[in-house]
Amino acid sequence: MKRVRRLWPTVLLLALIETLAPAGRFVQPVAGASCRDWNPASFWHGNWGASGVHKGIDIFASTGTPVVAAQSGLVLYTGNISLGGNVALLITPRGWLHYYAHLNRIDARQGRWLAAGAPIGAVGATGDAVGRPAHLHYSVLTLVPRPWDFRWGKQGWKRMFYRNPDWLLREQST
């Protein structure tokens, strides 16, 4: 119980940062893509292989199509992991983590600041997407939970830490 009490100031600080920090410009992460290039119902779709649920959206495009930073931020990680293949992870001033997976190549460099629209890499089919159509798996996570996004069922508590990229991209295009 003591650890939980010590954690509250940190959670409140992160919530304050997320609330007060400007959202910044938000751009489509796959060059030339539109809302027709992904299935909006795929976010948090169950029965999604090893990951259990689909925690983002898959934006389909030809192999090599440029992938850009959806928002300005610091590149925290670039590399290769088993499920995501070639991936990049970027954090924004608001504390949102943007995860780009299945990249054919990675152009972004760890530790660099990228403006919205700056190159991240290119659409591909790496990781568990090998043998499937080329696409970008795109997820947005937050360090601050949103309890109203909790759902009963498979990994429902984790949903509090994810934003629906479909909503974010559609909101920006209106």
N, C-alpha and C. Protein backbone atom coordinates (compact mmCIF):
# COMPACT_ATOMS: atom_id res chain seq x y z
N MET A 1 0.83 -1.20 0.00
CA MET A 1 0.00 0.00 0.00
C MET A 1 0.87 1.27 0.00
N LYS A 2 2.01 1.17 0.68
CA LYS A 2 2.91 2.31 0.75
C LYS A 2 3.44 2.68 -0.64
N ARG A 3 3.75 1.65 -1.46
CA ARG A 3 4.24 1.91 -2.82
C ARG A 3 3.19 2.62 -3.66
N VAL A 4 1.92 2.23 -3.49
CA VAL A 4 0.84 2.86 -4.25
C VAL A 4 0.73 4.33 -3.88
N ARG A 5 0.83 4.64 -2.59
CA ARG A 5 0.76 6.04 -2.16
C ARG A 5 1.90 6.87 -2.73
N ARG A 6 3.08 6.27 -2.85
CA ARG A 6 4.22 6.99 -3.41
C ARG A 6 4.09 7.16 -4.92
N LEU A 7 3.32 6.32 -5.56
CA LEU A 7 3.15 6.37 -7.01
C LEU A 7 2.18 7.47 -7.45
N TRP A 8 1.23 7.84 -6.61
CA TRP A 8 0.21 8.81 -6.99
C TRP A 8 0.78 10.15 -7.46
N PRO A 9 1.78 10.73 -6.78
CA PRO A 9 2.31 12.00 -7.30
C PRO A 9 2.84 11.88 -8.73
N THR A 10 3.48 10.77 -9.05
CA THR A 10 4.00 10.56 -10.39
C THR A 10 2.87 10.46 -11.40
N VAL A 11 1.83 9.70 -11.08
CA VAL A 11 0.68 9.55 -11.97
C VAL A 11 0.00 10.90 -12.18
N LEU A 12 -0.15 11.67 -11.10
CA LEU A 12 -0.78 12.99 -11.23
C LEU A 12 0.06 13.93 -12.09
N LEU A 13 1.38 13.89 -11.92
CA LEU A 13 2.26 14.72 -12.74
C LEU A 13 2.14 14.34 -14.22
N LEU A 14 2.16 13.04 -14.51
CA LEU A 14 2.01 12.60 -15.90
C LEU A 14 0.66 13.01 -16.47
N ALA A 15 -0.40 12.90 -15.67
CA ALA A 15 -1.73 13.31 -16.13
C ALA A 15 -1.77 14.80 -16.41
N LEU A 16 -1.10 15.59 -15.57
CA LEU A 16 -1.05 17.02 -15.77
C LEU A 16 -0.30 17.36 -17.06
N ILE A 17 0.83 16.69 -17.29
CA ILE A 17 1.60 16.91 -18.52
C ILE A 17 0.76 16.56 -19.74
N GLU A 18 0.10 15.40 -19.70
CA GLU A 18 -0.71 15.00 -20.85
C GLU A 18 -1.85 15.97 -21.10
N THR A 19 -2.43 16.50 -20.03
CA THR A 19 -3.56 17.42 -20.17
C THR A 19 -3.13 18.79 -20.66
N LEU A 20 -2.01 19.30 -20.14
CA LEU A 20 -1.60 20.67 -20.44
C LEU A 20 -0.67 20.80 -21.64
N ALA A 21 0.08 19.76 -21.94
CA ALA A 21 1.01 19.84 -23.07
C ALA A 21 0.21 19.95 -24.36
N PRO A 22 0.65 20.80 -25.27
CA PRO A 22 -0.09 20.91 -26.54
C PRO A 22 -0.04 19.59 -27.31
N ALA A 23 -1.16 19.27 -27.94
CA ALA A 23 -1.25 18.02 -28.69
C ALA A 23 -0.31 18.03 -29.89
N GLY A 24 -0.10 19.17 -30.47
CA GLY A 24 0.77 19.25 -31.64
C GLY A 24 0.07 18.77 -32.90
N ARG A 25 0.75 18.99 -34.00
CA ARG A 25 0.22 18.60 -35.31
C ARG A 25 0.23 17.08 -35.42
N PHE A 26 -0.78 16.53 -36.04
CA PHE A 26 -0.91 15.09 -36.21
C PHE A 26 -1.06 14.82 -37.70
N VAL A 27 -0.18 13.99 -38.28
CA VAL A 27 -0.24 13.71 -39.71
C VAL A 27 -0.40 12.21 -39.96
N GLN A 28 -0.92 11.89 -41.14
CA GLN A 28 -1.07 10.50 -41.56
C GLN A 28 0.32 9.87 -41.63
N PRO A 29 0.57 8.75 -40.92
CA PRO A 29 1.93 8.19 -40.90
C PRO A 29 2.35 7.46 -42.18
N VAL A 30 1.43 7.11 -43.06
CA VAL A 30 1.80 6.44 -44.31
C VAL A 30 1.49 7.38 -45.47
N ALA A 31 2.51 7.71 -46.22
CA ALA A 31 2.36 8.66 -47.33
C ALA A 31 1.26 8.21 -48.29
N GLY A 32 0.35 9.13 -48.57
CA GLY A 32 -0.71 8.86 -49.54
C GLY A 32 -1.87 8.02 -49.02
N ALA A 33 -1.82 7.57 -47.77
CA ALA A 33 -2.89 6.72 -47.24
C ALA A 33 -4.09 7.56 -46.82
N SER A 34 -5.24 6.91 -46.80
CA SER A 34 -6.46 7.54 -46.31
C SER A 34 -7.16 6.54 -45.41
N CYS A 35 -8.28 6.94 -44.85
CA CYS A 35 -9.05 6.08 -43.95
C CYS A 35 -9.51 4.78 -44.62
N ARG A 36 -9.49 4.73 -45.95
CA ARG A 36 -9.89 3.52 -46.67
C ARG A 36 -8.80 2.45 -46.63
N ASP A 37 -7.60 2.81 -46.16
CA ASP A 37 -6.47 1.87 -46.18
C ASP A 37 -6.30 1.06 -44.91
N TRP A 38 -7.25 1.18 -43.98
CA TRP A 38 -7.24 0.33 -42.78
C TRP A 38 -8.67 0.03 -42.36
N ASN A 39 -8.81 -1.00 -41.55
CA ASN A 39 -10.11 -1.40 -41.03
C ASN A 39 -10.27 -0.77 -39.64
N PRO A 40 -11.22 0.16 -39.47
CA PRO A 40 -11.38 0.83 -38.17
C PRO A 40 -11.76 -0.14 -37.05
N ALA A 41 -12.35 -1.27 -37.39
CA ALA A 41 -12.75 -2.25 -36.37
C ALA A 41 -11.58 -3.11 -35.90
N SER A 42 -10.40 -2.93 -36.49
CA SER A 42 -9.27 -3.78 -36.11
C SER A 42 -8.65 -3.36 -34.78
N PHE A 43 -8.86 -2.11 -34.34
CA PHE A 43 -8.33 -1.70 -33.05
C PHE A 43 -9.01 -2.49 -31.94
N TRP A 44 -8.23 -3.11 -31.14
CA TRP A 44 -8.62 -3.93 -30.00
C TRP A 44 -9.45 -5.15 -30.42
N HIS A 45 -9.25 -5.60 -31.63
CA HIS A 45 -9.92 -6.81 -32.10
C HIS A 45 -9.30 -8.01 -31.38
N GLY A 46 -10.13 -8.92 -30.90
CA GLY A 46 -9.66 -10.08 -30.17
C GLY A 46 -9.14 -11.18 -31.08
N ASN A 47 -8.56 -12.19 -30.47
CA ASN A 47 -8.06 -13.37 -31.18
C ASN A 47 -7.02 -12.97 -32.22
N TRP A 48 -6.02 -12.22 -31.80
CA TRP A 48 -5.03 -11.67 -32.71
C TRP A 48 -3.67 -12.31 -32.49
N GLY A 49 -3.60 -13.61 -32.62
CA GLY A 49 -2.33 -14.31 -32.53
C GLY A 49 -1.65 -14.17 -31.19
N ALA A 50 -0.32 -14.09 -31.21
CA ALA A 50 0.48 -14.08 -29.99
C ALA A 50 0.21 -12.87 -29.11
N SER A 51 -0.19 -11.75 -29.69
CA SER A 51 -0.42 -10.55 -28.88
C SER A 51 -1.79 -10.55 -28.21
N GLY A 52 -2.65 -11.48 -28.54
CA GLY A 52 -3.96 -11.60 -27.89
C GLY A 52 -5.01 -10.69 -28.47
N VAL A 53 -4.77 -9.39 -28.47
CA VAL A 53 -5.67 -8.43 -29.09
C VAL A 53 -4.82 -7.49 -29.96
N HIS A 54 -5.46 -6.89 -30.94
CA HIS A 54 -4.77 -5.99 -31.86
C HIS A 54 -4.80 -4.59 -31.27
N LYS A 55 -3.65 -4.12 -30.82
CA LYS A 55 -3.57 -2.87 -30.06
C LYS A 55 -3.29 -1.65 -30.94
N GLY A 56 -3.61 -1.74 -32.19
CA GLY A 56 -3.42 -0.62 -33.10
C GLY A 56 -4.22 -0.86 -34.36
N ILE A 57 -3.79 -0.21 -35.43
CA ILE A 57 -4.41 -0.43 -36.74
C ILE A 57 -3.30 -0.78 -37.73
N ASP A 58 -3.66 -1.51 -38.77
CA ASP A 58 -2.73 -1.85 -39.85
C ASP A 58 -3.10 -1.00 -41.06
N ILE A 59 -2.17 -0.16 -41.47
CA ILE A 59 -2.38 0.72 -42.62
C ILE A 59 -1.68 0.08 -43.82
N PHE A 60 -2.46 -0.38 -44.79
CA PHE A 60 -1.93 -1.13 -45.92
C PHE A 60 -1.45 -0.20 -47.03
N ALA A 61 -0.27 -0.54 -47.56
CA ALA A 61 0.34 0.22 -48.66
C ALA A 61 1.39 -0.67 -49.30
N SER A 62 1.89 -0.26 -50.43
CA SER A 62 2.94 -1.02 -51.12
C SER A 62 4.23 -1.00 -50.32
N THR A 63 4.99 -2.09 -50.44
CA THR A 63 6.30 -2.15 -49.81
C THR A 63 7.15 -0.96 -50.26
N GLY A 64 7.79 -0.31 -49.31
CA GLY A 64 8.63 0.83 -49.62
C GLY A 64 7.95 2.18 -49.54
N THR A 65 6.61 2.21 -49.36
CA THR A 65 5.91 3.48 -49.20
C THR A 65 6.44 4.19 -47.96
N PRO A 66 6.76 5.48 -48.06
CA PRO A 66 7.32 6.18 -46.90
C PRO A 66 6.39 6.19 -45.68
N VAL A 67 7.01 6.02 -44.51
CA VAL A 67 6.34 6.13 -43.22
C VAL A 67 6.96 7.34 -42.53
N VAL A 68 6.10 8.22 -42.01
CA VAL A 68 6.58 9.45 -41.38
C VAL A 68 6.07 9.54 -39.94
N ALA A 69 6.70 10.41 -39.16
CA ALA A 69 6.27 10.64 -37.78
C ALA A 69 4.88 11.28 -37.78
N ALA A 70 3.96 10.66 -37.09
CA ALA A 70 2.60 11.19 -37.02
C ALA A 70 2.55 12.47 -36.17
N GLN A 71 3.43 12.56 -35.19
CA GLN A 71 3.57 13.76 -34.37
C GLN A 71 5.05 13.99 -34.09
N SER A 72 5.40 15.19 -33.72
CA SER A 72 6.78 15.50 -33.36
C SER A 72 7.15 14.77 -32.08
N GLY A 73 8.41 14.30 -32.01
CA GLY A 73 8.84 13.64 -30.79
C GLY A 73 10.25 13.11 -30.88
N LEU A 74 10.67 12.49 -29.79
CA LEU A 74 12.01 11.93 -29.65
C LEU A 74 11.97 10.45 -29.97
N VAL A 75 12.87 9.99 -30.82
CA VAL A 75 12.95 8.57 -31.15
C VAL A 75 13.62 7.85 -29.97
N LEU A 76 12.85 7.02 -29.29
CA LEU A 76 13.35 6.28 -28.14
C LEU A 76 14.05 4.99 -28.53
N TYR A 77 13.53 4.34 -29.58
CA TYR A 77 14.07 3.02 -29.94
C TYR A 77 13.87 2.77 -31.42
N THR A 78 14.86 2.17 -32.02
CA THR A 78 14.72 1.59 -33.36
C THR A 78 15.43 0.25 -33.31
N GLY A 79 14.88 -0.74 -33.98
CA GLY A 79 15.51 -2.05 -33.98
C GLY A 79 14.57 -3.11 -34.50
N ASN A 80 14.88 -4.35 -34.15
CA ASN A 80 14.10 -5.49 -34.63
C ASN A 80 13.64 -6.31 -33.44
N ILE A 81 12.33 -6.61 -33.39
CA ILE A 81 11.77 -7.47 -32.36
C ILE A 81 10.94 -8.56 -33.04
N SER A 82 10.70 -9.65 -32.34
CA SER A 82 10.10 -10.83 -32.99
C SER A 82 8.73 -10.54 -33.62
N LEU A 83 7.78 -9.98 -32.90
CA LEU A 83 6.45 -9.76 -33.45
C LEU A 83 6.39 -8.57 -34.41
N GLY A 84 7.04 -7.48 -34.05
CA GLY A 84 6.96 -6.26 -34.84
C GLY A 84 7.93 -6.18 -35.99
N GLY A 85 8.96 -7.03 -35.98
CA GLY A 85 9.98 -6.92 -37.02
C GLY A 85 10.78 -5.65 -36.83
N ASN A 86 11.01 -4.92 -37.91
CA ASN A 86 11.69 -3.63 -37.82
C ASN A 86 10.72 -2.60 -37.25
N VAL A 87 11.10 -2.01 -36.11
CA VAL A 87 10.19 -1.10 -35.41
C VAL A 87 10.89 0.20 -35.03
N ALA A 88 10.07 1.22 -34.79
CA ALA A 88 10.52 2.49 -34.25
C ALA A 88 9.51 2.92 -33.19
N LEU A 89 10.02 3.51 -32.12
CA LEU A 89 9.18 4.01 -31.02
C LEU A 89 9.56 5.46 -30.76
N LEU A 90 8.56 6.33 -30.77
CA LEU A 90 8.76 7.76 -30.62
C LEU A 90 7.89 8.26 -29.47
N ILE A 91 8.40 9.16 -28.63
CA ILE A 91 7.60 9.75 -27.56
C ILE A 91 7.42 11.24 -27.83
N THR A 92 6.19 11.73 -27.66
CA THR A 92 5.86 13.14 -27.91
C THR A 92 5.99 13.92 -26.60
N PRO A 93 5.99 15.25 -26.67
CA PRO A 93 6.04 16.06 -25.44
C PRO A 93 4.86 15.78 -24.52
N ARG A 94 3.78 15.29 -25.08
CA ARG A 94 2.59 14.98 -24.29
C ARG A 94 2.74 13.63 -23.56
N GLY A 95 3.77 12.89 -23.91
CA GLY A 95 3.99 11.59 -23.26
C GLY A 95 3.34 10.44 -24.00
N TRP A 96 2.90 10.67 -25.22
CA TRP A 96 2.33 9.58 -26.02
C TRP A 96 3.45 8.84 -26.72
N LEU A 97 3.35 7.53 -26.73
CA LEU A 97 4.31 6.67 -27.43
C LEU A 97 3.71 6.22 -28.74
N HIS A 98 4.38 6.53 -29.83
CA HIS A 98 3.93 6.11 -31.16
C HIS A 98 4.80 4.94 -31.59
N TYR A 99 4.16 3.82 -31.90
CA TYR A 99 4.86 2.58 -32.25
C TYR A 99 4.59 2.26 -33.71
N TYR A 100 5.67 2.13 -34.48
CA TYR A 100 5.61 1.85 -35.91
C TYR A 100 6.27 0.48 -36.13
N ALA A 101 5.52 -0.49 -36.66
CA ALA A 101 6.06 -1.85 -36.79
C ALA A 101 5.93 -2.39 -38.21
N HIS A 102 6.68 -3.45 -38.49
CA HIS A 102 6.73 -4.18 -39.76
C HIS A 102 7.41 -3.36 -40.86
N LEU A 103 8.27 -2.43 -40.46
CA LEU A 103 8.93 -1.56 -41.43
C LEU A 103 9.88 -2.35 -42.33
N ASN A 104 9.90 -2.00 -43.61
CA ASN A 104 10.83 -2.58 -44.57
C ASN A 104 12.25 -2.09 -44.28
N ARG A 105 12.32 -0.80 -43.93
CA ARG A 105 13.60 -0.21 -43.52
C ARG A 105 13.31 0.86 -42.48
N ILE A 106 14.33 1.19 -41.70
CA ILE A 106 14.21 2.22 -40.67
C ILE A 106 15.15 3.37 -41.04
N ASP A 107 14.59 4.56 -41.18
CA ASP A 107 15.38 5.74 -41.49
C ASP A 107 15.66 6.58 -40.25
N ALA A 108 14.77 6.53 -39.26
CA ALA A 108 14.91 7.31 -38.03
C ALA A 108 16.07 6.78 -37.20
N ARG A 109 16.68 7.64 -36.43
CA ARG A 109 17.81 7.26 -35.58
C ARG A 109 17.46 7.51 -34.12
N GLN A 110 17.75 6.55 -33.30
CA GLN A 110 17.50 6.63 -31.87
C GLN A 110 18.16 7.88 -31.29
N GLY A 111 17.42 8.59 -30.42
CA GLY A 111 17.95 9.78 -29.78
C GLY A 111 17.74 11.07 -30.55
N ARG A 112 17.19 10.98 -31.75
CA ARG A 112 16.96 12.17 -32.58
C ARG A 112 15.54 12.70 -32.38
N TRP A 113 15.41 14.01 -32.46
CA TRP A 113 14.10 14.66 -32.42
C TRP A 113 13.58 14.72 -33.85
N LEU A 114 12.32 14.32 -34.05
CA LEU A 114 11.70 14.38 -35.38
C LEU A 114 10.49 15.29 -35.35
N ALA A 115 10.35 16.11 -36.36
CA ALA A 115 9.14 16.91 -36.52
C ALA A 115 8.06 16.03 -37.14
N ALA A 116 6.81 16.40 -36.93
CA ALA A 116 5.70 15.68 -37.57
C ALA A 116 5.94 15.69 -39.07
N GLY A 117 5.84 14.53 -39.69
CA GLY A 117 6.05 14.41 -41.13
C GLY A 117 7.47 14.01 -41.51
N ALA A 118 8.39 13.94 -40.54
CA ALA A 118 9.77 13.54 -40.83
C ALA A 118 9.84 12.04 -41.06
N PRO A 119 10.77 11.57 -41.89
CA PRO A 119 10.86 10.14 -42.21
C PRO A 119 11.15 9.24 -41.01
N ILE A 120 10.39 8.15 -40.93
CA ILE A 120 10.61 7.09 -39.93
C ILE A 120 11.22 5.88 -40.64
N GLY A 121 10.67 5.55 -41.81
CA GLY A 121 11.13 4.38 -42.56
C GLY A 121 10.22 4.12 -43.74
N ALA A 122 9.98 2.84 -44.02
CA ALA A 122 9.14 2.47 -45.15
C ALA A 122 8.28 1.27 -44.79
N VAL A 123 7.10 1.21 -45.38
CA VAL A 123 6.15 0.11 -45.16
C VAL A 123 6.79 -1.20 -45.58
N GLY A 124 6.53 -2.24 -44.80
CA GLY A 124 7.08 -3.56 -45.12
C GLY A 124 6.21 -4.68 -44.58
N ALA A 125 6.83 -5.84 -44.40
CA ALA A 125 6.13 -7.02 -43.89
C ALA A 125 7.14 -7.85 -43.08
N THR A 126 7.72 -7.22 -42.05
CA THR A 126 8.70 -7.91 -41.21
C THR A 126 8.05 -8.41 -39.93
N GLY A 127 8.79 -9.20 -39.16
CA GLY A 127 8.26 -9.76 -37.92
C GLY A 127 7.20 -10.80 -38.23
N ASP A 128 6.09 -10.76 -37.47
CA ASP A 128 5.04 -11.76 -37.71
C ASP A 128 4.18 -11.41 -38.92
N ALA A 129 4.55 -10.38 -39.69
CA ALA A 129 3.84 -10.02 -40.91
C ALA A 129 4.48 -10.63 -42.15
N VAL A 130 5.55 -11.40 -41.98
CA VAL A 130 6.20 -12.05 -43.12
C VAL A 130 5.17 -12.94 -43.83
N GLY A 131 5.10 -12.82 -45.15
CA GLY A 131 4.15 -13.62 -45.92
C GLY A 131 2.78 -13.00 -46.02
N ARG A 132 2.58 -11.85 -45.42
CA ARG A 132 1.29 -11.15 -45.47
C ARG A 132 1.46 -9.87 -46.28
N PRO A 133 0.35 -9.23 -46.65
CA PRO A 133 0.47 -7.97 -47.40
C PRO A 133 1.23 -6.92 -46.60
N ALA A 134 2.00 -6.11 -47.30
CA ALA A 134 2.77 -5.04 -46.65
C ALA A 134 1.83 -4.06 -45.96
N HIS A 135 2.23 -3.64 -44.77
CA HIS A 135 1.45 -2.67 -44.01
C HIS A 135 2.29 -2.09 -42.89
N LEU A 136 1.81 -1.00 -42.33
CA LEU A 136 2.37 -0.42 -41.12
C LEU A 136 1.43 -0.75 -39.98
N HIS A 137 1.95 -1.42 -38.94
CA HIS A 137 1.16 -1.55 -37.71
C HIS A 137 1.46 -0.29 -36.92
N TYR A 138 0.41 0.46 -36.57
CA TYR A 138 0.57 1.74 -35.90
C TYR A 138 -0.25 1.75 -34.61
N SER A 139 0.45 1.97 -33.49
CA SER A 139 -0.20 2.04 -32.18
C SER A 139 0.19 3.32 -31.49
N VAL A 140 -0.71 3.80 -30.62
CA VAL A 140 -0.43 4.97 -29.79
C VAL A 140 -0.74 4.60 -28.35
N LEU A 141 0.28 4.69 -27.50
CA LEU A 141 0.14 4.36 -26.08
C LEU A 141 0.34 5.61 -25.25
N THR A 142 -0.15 5.57 -24.03
CA THR A 142 0.07 6.68 -23.10
C THR A 142 0.56 6.13 -21.78
N LEU A 143 1.28 6.94 -21.04
CA LEU A 143 1.77 6.54 -19.73
C LEU A 143 0.70 6.77 -18.66
N VAL A 144 -0.33 7.53 -19.01
CA VAL A 144 -1.40 7.85 -18.07
C VAL A 144 -2.63 7.03 -18.42
N PRO A 145 -3.08 6.17 -17.51
CA PRO A 145 -4.27 5.36 -17.82
C PRO A 145 -5.53 6.20 -17.89
N ARG A 146 -6.44 5.80 -18.76
CA ARG A 146 -7.76 6.41 -18.85
C ARG A 146 -8.76 5.35 -18.40
N PRO A 147 -9.17 5.38 -17.12
CA PRO A 147 -10.03 4.33 -16.57
C PRO A 147 -11.32 4.10 -17.34
N TRP A 148 -11.85 5.13 -17.99
CA TRP A 148 -13.10 4.97 -18.74
C TRP A 148 -12.92 4.10 -19.99
N ASP A 149 -11.68 3.83 -20.39
CA ASP A 149 -11.43 2.95 -21.52
C ASP A 149 -11.26 1.49 -21.12
N PHE A 150 -11.35 1.20 -19.82
CA PHE A 150 -11.27 -0.17 -19.33
C PHE A 150 -12.41 -0.99 -19.94
N ARG A 151 -12.11 -2.23 -20.31
CA ARG A 151 -13.12 -3.16 -20.82
C ARG A 151 -12.95 -4.50 -20.11
N TRP A 152 -14.04 -5.17 -19.87
CA TRP A 152 -13.97 -6.53 -19.34
C TRP A 152 -13.54 -7.43 -20.49
N GLY A 153 -12.86 -8.46 -20.19
CA GLY A 153 -12.46 -9.41 -21.21
C GLY A 153 -10.96 -9.41 -21.42
N LYS A 154 -10.56 -10.04 -22.50
CA LYS A 154 -9.17 -10.28 -22.82
C LYS A 154 -8.35 -8.98 -22.83
N GLN A 155 -7.40 -8.87 -21.92
CA GLN A 155 -6.49 -7.73 -21.81
C GLN A 155 -7.21 -6.39 -21.72
N GLY A 156 -8.45 -6.40 -21.25
CA GLY A 156 -9.25 -5.17 -21.20
C GLY A 156 -8.63 -4.06 -20.37
N TRP A 157 -7.91 -4.42 -19.31
CA TRP A 157 -7.28 -3.39 -18.48
C TRP A 157 -6.19 -2.64 -19.24
N LYS A 158 -5.53 -3.31 -20.20
CA LYS A 158 -4.46 -2.66 -20.98
C LYS A 158 -5.01 -1.56 -21.88
N ARG A 159 -6.28 -1.69 -22.24
CA ARG A 159 -6.87 -0.71 -23.15
C ARG A 159 -6.82 0.71 -22.58
N MET A 160 -6.74 0.82 -21.25
CA MET A 160 -6.65 2.14 -20.62
C MET A 160 -5.40 2.90 -21.04
N PHE A 161 -4.40 2.17 -21.55
CA PHE A 161 -3.12 2.78 -21.92
C PHE A 161 -2.96 2.99 -23.43
N TYR A 162 -3.99 2.72 -24.19
CA TYR A 162 -3.91 2.85 -25.65
C TYR A 162 -4.93 3.86 -26.15
N ARG A 163 -4.55 4.59 -27.18
CA ARG A 163 -5.47 5.49 -27.88
C ARG A 163 -5.82 4.80 -29.19
N ASN A 164 -7.02 5.00 -29.65
CA ASN A 164 -7.45 4.40 -30.91
C ASN A 164 -6.91 5.24 -32.07
N PRO A 165 -5.92 4.71 -32.82
CA PRO A 165 -5.35 5.49 -33.93
C PRO A 165 -6.37 5.88 -34.98
N ASP A 166 -7.39 5.04 -35.18
CA ASP A 166 -8.43 5.36 -36.16
C ASP A 166 -9.11 6.67 -35.77
N TRP A 167 -9.46 6.82 -34.50
CA TRP A 167 -10.11 8.05 -34.04
C TRP A 167 -9.16 9.24 -34.19
N LEU A 168 -7.89 9.05 -33.79
CA LEU A 168 -6.92 10.15 -33.87
C LEU A 168 -6.73 10.63 -35.30
N LEU A 169 -6.60 9.68 -36.23
CA LEU A 169 -6.38 10.06 -37.63
C LEU A 169 -7.62 10.67 -38.25
N ARG A 170 -8.80 10.16 -37.94
CA ARG A 170 -10.03 10.73 -38.48
C ARG A 170 -10.30 12.11 -37.92
N GLU A 171 -10.04 12.29 -36.62
CA GLU A 171 -10.24 13.58 -35.97
C GLU A 171 -9.37 14.65 -36.64
N GLN A 172 -8.18 14.29 -37.00
CA GLN A 172 -7.25 15.23 -37.61
C GLN A 172 -7.67 15.60 -39.03
N SER A 173 -8.33 14.66 -39.72
CA SER A 173 -8.67 14.91 -41.12
C SER A 173 -9.99 15.67 -41.28
N THR A 174 -10.68 15.94 -40.17
CA THR A 174 -11.95 16.66 -40.27
C THR A 174 -11.76 18.14 -40.14
